[in-house]
Amino acid sequence: MTFQIRRFGGPTAVFTVGGVTFMTDPTFDPPGDYAVGSRVLTKTAAAAGTPADAGTVDVVLLSHDQHPDNLDHSGRAFAASVPLMLSTPAAAARLGGPTVGLPPWTEVNLSRPGGGGLVRVTAVPAQHGPDGTEHLTGPVTGFVLHGDDLPTVYVSGDNASLGVVAQIADRFPAVDVAILFGGKARTPLLGDADLTLGAAGLLEAARLLGAKTVLPVHIDSWAHFTESPDDVRAAFESAGSAALLG
């Protein structure tokens, strides 16, 4: 199976399923410091392109809106111009416009261009940190895209829980493509606790999902990531699974 994706750095990527083009977590602001309450997140690299380079985007899949490394100023402006953005109910309440909030395990059906069935988008759980920290990090969602004669595509969003991944694997036992957010993010808010999966976690997530292709994102361009793309590749190579990486 050939699956085309364009990564823009951080969590931002564009891909097409069933003729519908999706963008994950739009972030196009320049490098610099971005406030999160009393704290600061530092972006270290520019996006690998502009919103115009993404072409026509039909749907934005937004894992959450409360952190600038997942939705920044340029990303908000871009998302407002897209016909539909899917995210958490909390994000939809704050953002309005084209944003539709989906509780976990709810689904929307998107018409495929020219007919030929539907692209189904199911919101799935994500946990942005260890157990018991949801009140600090806020709600996050992932997504599974699926449909007749289509690959099943999992977009994790910012997730640190392999237990959550196991729940998704139980519901969707045949994941073709896993777009996994990683980086092993840490901030002073939670000390040495991981806010997202590290390389070893991405490898285990791929195993749980039985994924045929793994596309890591959100593993670069921010100073609060403690692991890099090189760490991810080394983990997969050490396990004999480098062929999974796309």
Protein backbone atom coordinates (compact mmCIF):
# COMPACT_ATOMS: atom_id res chain seq x y z
CA MET A 1 0.00 0.00 0.00
CA THR A 2 1.26 3.46 -0.93
CA PHE A 3 0.28 6.22 1.48
CA GLN A 4 1.39 9.75 0.73
CA ILE A 5 1.94 12.23 3.53
CA ARG A 6 3.60 15.62 3.66
CA ARG A 7 5.07 16.60 7.00
CA PHE A 8 5.46 20.29 7.82
CA GLY A 9 7.27 19.76 11.14
CA GLY A 10 5.91 19.46 14.64
CA PRO A 11 2.44 17.85 14.59
CA THR A 12 1.45 19.22 11.20
CA ALA A 13 0.97 16.87 8.26
CA VAL A 14 -1.28 16.60 5.21
CA PHE A 15 -2.59 13.40 3.66
CA THR A 16 -5.55 12.19 1.62
CA VAL A 17 -7.92 9.30 2.32
CA GLY A 18 -10.77 8.47 -0.03
CA GLY A 19 -10.27 11.69 -1.94
CA VAL A 20 -10.67 13.80 1.24
CA THR A 21 -7.58 15.80 2.25
CA PHE A 22 -6.81 16.13 5.95
CA MET A 23 -4.37 18.25 7.94
CA THR A 24 -3.31 17.44 11.48
CA ASP A 25 -2.73 20.15 14.12
CA PRO A 26 -1.82 23.21 12.01
CA THR A 27 1.30 25.06 13.22
CA PHE A 28 3.07 27.54 10.93
CA ASP A 29 4.36 30.27 13.28
CA PRO A 30 8.10 31.11 13.22
CA PRO A 31 10.58 29.84 15.80
CA GLY A 32 10.45 31.58 19.15
CA ASP A 33 8.93 31.48 22.62
CA TYR A 34 5.20 30.89 23.05
CA ALA A 35 3.42 31.35 26.36
CA VAL A 36 1.31 28.64 28.01
CA GLY A 37 -0.01 30.34 31.11
CA SER A 38 3.04 31.26 33.18
CA ARG A 39 5.27 28.87 31.23
CA VAL A 40 6.91 29.13 27.81
CA LEU A 41 7.31 26.59 25.02
CA THR A 42 10.15 27.25 22.60
CA LYS A 43 9.82 26.46 18.91
CA THR A 44 13.25 25.73 17.47
CA ALA A 45 12.64 25.38 13.71
CA ALA A 46 10.41 26.89 11.08
CA ALA A 47 7.68 24.86 9.40
CA ALA A 48 8.70 23.08 6.21
CA GLY A 49 6.31 25.13 4.11
CA THR A 50 3.41 27.54 4.36
CA PRO A 51 -0.33 26.89 4.57
CA ALA A 52 -0.52 27.64 0.85
CA ASP A 53 1.90 24.78 0.21
CA ALA A 54 -0.62 22.37 1.71
CA GLY A 55 -3.00 22.89 -1.20
CA THR A 56 -6.73 22.46 -0.67
CA VAL A 57 -7.47 20.99 2.75
CA ASP A 58 -10.97 19.65 3.36
CA VAL A 59 -10.75 18.78 7.06
CA VAL A 60 -8.45 19.72 9.93
CA LEU A 61 -7.99 17.04 12.58
CA LEU A 62 -7.09 19.00 15.70
CA SER A 63 -5.99 16.97 18.70
CA HIS A 64 -6.45 19.94 21.04
CA ASP A 65 -6.34 23.72 21.02
CA GLN A 66 -4.88 24.61 24.43
CA HIS A 67 -1.17 24.31 23.58
CA PRO A 68 0.64 26.46 20.98
CA ASP A 69 2.71 23.54 19.70
CA ASN A 70 -0.54 21.99 18.45
CA LEU A 71 -2.43 25.08 17.31
CA ASP A 72 -0.62 28.39 16.90
CA HIS A 73 -1.65 31.82 15.59
CA SER A 74 -1.09 30.99 11.93
CA GLY A 75 -2.74 27.62 12.42
CA ARG A 76 -5.85 29.23 13.87
CA ALA A 77 -6.11 31.58 10.91
CA PHE A 78 -5.69 28.70 8.48
CA ALA A 79 -8.18 26.45 10.28
CA ALA A 80 -10.82 29.18 10.16
CA SER A 81 -10.66 29.01 6.35
CA VAL A 82 -11.18 25.24 6.12
CA PRO A 83 -14.71 23.84 5.69
CA LEU A 84 -14.51 21.57 8.73
CA MET A 85 -12.32 21.10 11.78
CA LEU A 86 -12.83 18.15 14.13
CA SER A 87 -11.55 18.32 17.70
CA THR A 88 -12.59 17.95 21.34
CA PRO A 89 -15.90 19.39 22.55
CA ALA A 90 -13.92 21.83 24.71
CA ALA A 91 -11.98 23.08 21.68
CA ALA A 92 -15.18 23.46 19.67
CA ALA A 93 -16.71 25.57 22.45
CA ARG A 94 -13.68 27.88 22.48
CA LEU A 95 -12.98 28.08 18.76
CA GLY A 96 -16.41 28.09 17.16
CA GLY A 97 -16.45 28.59 13.41
CA PRO A 98 -16.04 25.36 11.45
CA THR A 99 -15.05 23.35 14.56
CA VAL A 100 -17.12 20.32 15.52
CA GLY A 101 -16.42 18.68 18.86
CA LEU A 102 -16.50 14.89 19.02
CA PRO A 103 -16.61 12.96 22.31
CA PRO A 104 -14.59 9.73 22.29
CA TRP A 105 -16.00 6.94 20.12
CA THR A 106 -18.39 9.21 18.23
CA GLU A 107 -18.22 9.37 14.46
CA VAL A 108 -18.82 11.68 11.52
CA ASN A 109 -19.30 10.54 7.94
CA LEU A 110 -17.71 12.51 5.13
CA SER A 111 -18.82 12.18 1.53
CA ARG A 112 -16.12 11.11 -0.89
CA PRO A 113 -15.66 13.36 -3.92
CA GLY A 114 -17.51 11.94 -6.90
CA GLY A 115 -19.46 9.53 -4.73
CA GLY A 116 -18.30 6.02 -3.98
CA GLY A 117 -19.07 5.81 -0.29
CA LEU A 118 -17.99 7.56 2.87
CA VAL A 119 -14.88 8.35 4.84
CA ARG A 120 -15.75 7.67 8.47
CA VAL A 121 -13.89 9.62 11.15
CA THR A 122 -14.13 8.22 14.67
CA ALA A 123 -12.85 10.25 17.61
CA VAL A 124 -10.77 8.07 19.91
CA PRO A 125 -9.28 8.70 23.37
CA ALA A 126 -5.89 10.29 23.97
CA GLN A 127 -4.17 10.99 27.29
CA HIS A 128 -1.69 13.87 27.34
CA GLY A 129 0.38 12.71 30.30
CA PRO A 130 0.36 10.07 33.05
CA ASP A 131 -2.79 8.95 34.84
CA GLY A 132 -4.40 11.65 36.95
CA THR A 133 -2.97 14.65 35.10
CA GLU A 134 -5.81 15.31 32.69
CA HIS A 135 -6.96 18.30 34.74
CA LEU A 136 -3.55 19.89 34.14
CA THR A 137 -2.98 19.09 30.47
CA GLY A 138 -6.59 19.30 29.30
CA PRO A 139 -8.63 17.10 26.98
CA VAL A 140 -7.08 15.67 23.82
CA THR A 141 -8.48 13.49 21.07
CA GLY A 142 -7.16 11.12 18.45
CA PHE A 143 -8.91 9.94 15.31
CA VAL A 144 -9.39 6.81 13.25
CA LEU A 145 -10.26 7.21 9.56
CA HIS A 146 -11.85 4.21 7.90
CA GLY A 147 -14.40 3.09 5.33
CA ASP A 148 -15.18 0.52 2.68
CA ASP A 149 -12.18 -0.15 0.45
CA LEU A 150 -10.10 2.42 2.37
CA PRO A 151 -7.03 2.02 4.56
CA THR A 152 -7.64 2.37 8.28
CA VAL A 153 -5.60 5.34 9.49
CA TYR A 154 -5.00 6.12 13.18
CA VAL A 155 -3.95 9.65 14.19
CA SER A 156 -2.90 9.51 17.83
CA GLY A 157 -2.81 13.15 18.85
CA ASP A 158 -0.68 13.93 21.89
CA ASN A 159 -0.89 10.69 23.85
CA ALA A 160 1.28 9.16 26.56
CA SER A 161 -0.78 6.06 27.36
CA LEU A 162 -0.23 2.63 25.83
CA GLY A 163 -3.39 1.55 27.63
CA VAL A 164 -5.29 4.01 25.45
CA VAL A 165 -3.59 2.58 22.36
CA ALA A 166 -4.68 -0.92 23.43
CA GLN A 167 -8.30 0.26 23.67
CA ILE A 168 -8.11 1.59 20.13
CA ALA A 169 -6.52 -1.62 18.86
CA ASP A 170 -9.42 -3.58 20.38
CA ARG A 171 -11.92 -1.47 18.42
CA PHE A 172 -9.88 -1.31 15.22
CA PRO A 173 -7.88 -4.53 14.92
CA ALA A 174 -6.59 -3.80 11.40
CA VAL A 175 -4.74 -0.48 11.39
CA ASP A 176 -2.95 0.08 8.11
CA VAL A 177 -1.30 3.44 8.88
CA ALA A 178 -0.46 4.82 12.32
CA ILE A 179 0.37 8.53 12.45
CA LEU A 180 1.90 8.65 15.92
CA PHE A 181 2.74 11.79 17.88
CA GLY A 182 5.92 11.28 19.88
CA GLY A 183 8.89 13.24 21.18
CA LYS A 184 8.65 12.16 24.83
CA ALA A 185 7.60 15.70 25.71
CA ARG A 186 8.31 17.08 29.17
CA THR A 187 7.64 20.42 30.82
CA PRO A 188 8.15 21.80 34.34
CA LEU A 189 4.40 21.42 34.88
CA LEU A 190 4.88 17.67 35.38
CA GLY A 191 8.60 17.39 36.08
CA ASP A 192 10.10 14.20 34.64
CA ALA A 193 6.74 12.71 33.60
CA ASP A 194 6.22 12.12 29.89
CA LEU A 195 3.43 14.05 28.19
CA THR A 196 3.73 12.03 24.99
CA LEU A 197 5.15 8.65 24.01
CA GLY A 198 8.86 8.23 23.48
CA ALA A 199 10.53 6.08 20.85
CA ALA A 200 10.07 2.86 22.81
CA GLY A 201 6.42 3.73 23.32
CA LEU A 202 5.92 4.38 19.61
CA LEU A 203 7.41 0.99 18.86
CA GLU A 204 5.08 -0.71 21.34
CA ALA A 205 2.10 1.26 20.01
CA ALA A 206 2.89 0.00 16.52
CA ARG A 207 2.99 -3.56 17.84
CA LEU A 208 -0.32 -3.20 19.68
CA LEU A 209 -1.99 -1.76 16.60
CA GLY A 210 -0.46 -4.25 14.21
CA ALA A 211 0.29 -1.23 12.04
CA LYS A 212 1.64 -1.88 8.58
CA THR A 213 3.11 1.64 8.28
CA VAL A 214 4.17 4.01 11.06
CA LEU A 215 4.50 7.73 10.38
CA PRO A 216 5.96 9.55 13.39
CA VAL A 217 5.13 13.26 13.76
CA HIS A 218 5.56 15.86 16.50
CA ILE A 219 9.09 14.61 17.20
CA ASP A 220 10.94 17.76 16.13
CA SER A 221 10.95 21.57 16.20
CA TRP A 222 10.22 22.08 19.92
CA ALA A 223 12.63 22.35 22.83
CA HIS A 224 10.41 20.42 25.26
CA PHE A 225 10.86 17.19 23.30
CA THR A 226 13.45 14.96 24.96
CA GLU A 227 13.74 12.58 22.00
CA SER A 228 14.40 13.19 18.33
CA PRO A 229 13.67 11.53 14.97
CA ASP A 230 17.06 9.81 15.28
CA ASP A 231 15.94 8.21 18.56
CA VAL A 232 12.77 6.90 16.90
CA ARG A 233 14.65 5.42 13.97
CA ALA A 234 17.23 3.83 16.29
CA ALA A 235 14.50 2.19 18.37
CA PHE A 236 12.78 0.72 15.32
CA GLU A 237 16.07 -0.42 13.79
CA SER A 238 17.14 -2.08 17.03
CA ALA A 239 13.85 -4.00 17.07
CA GLY A 240 14.17 -5.03 13.44
CA SER A 241 11.15 -2.90 12.56
CA ALA A 242 12.71 -0.09 10.54
CA ALA A 243 10.72 -1.17 7.48
CA LEU A 244 7.54 0.01 9.22
CA LEU A 245 8.69 3.62 9.22
CA GLY A 246 7.43 5.85 6.44
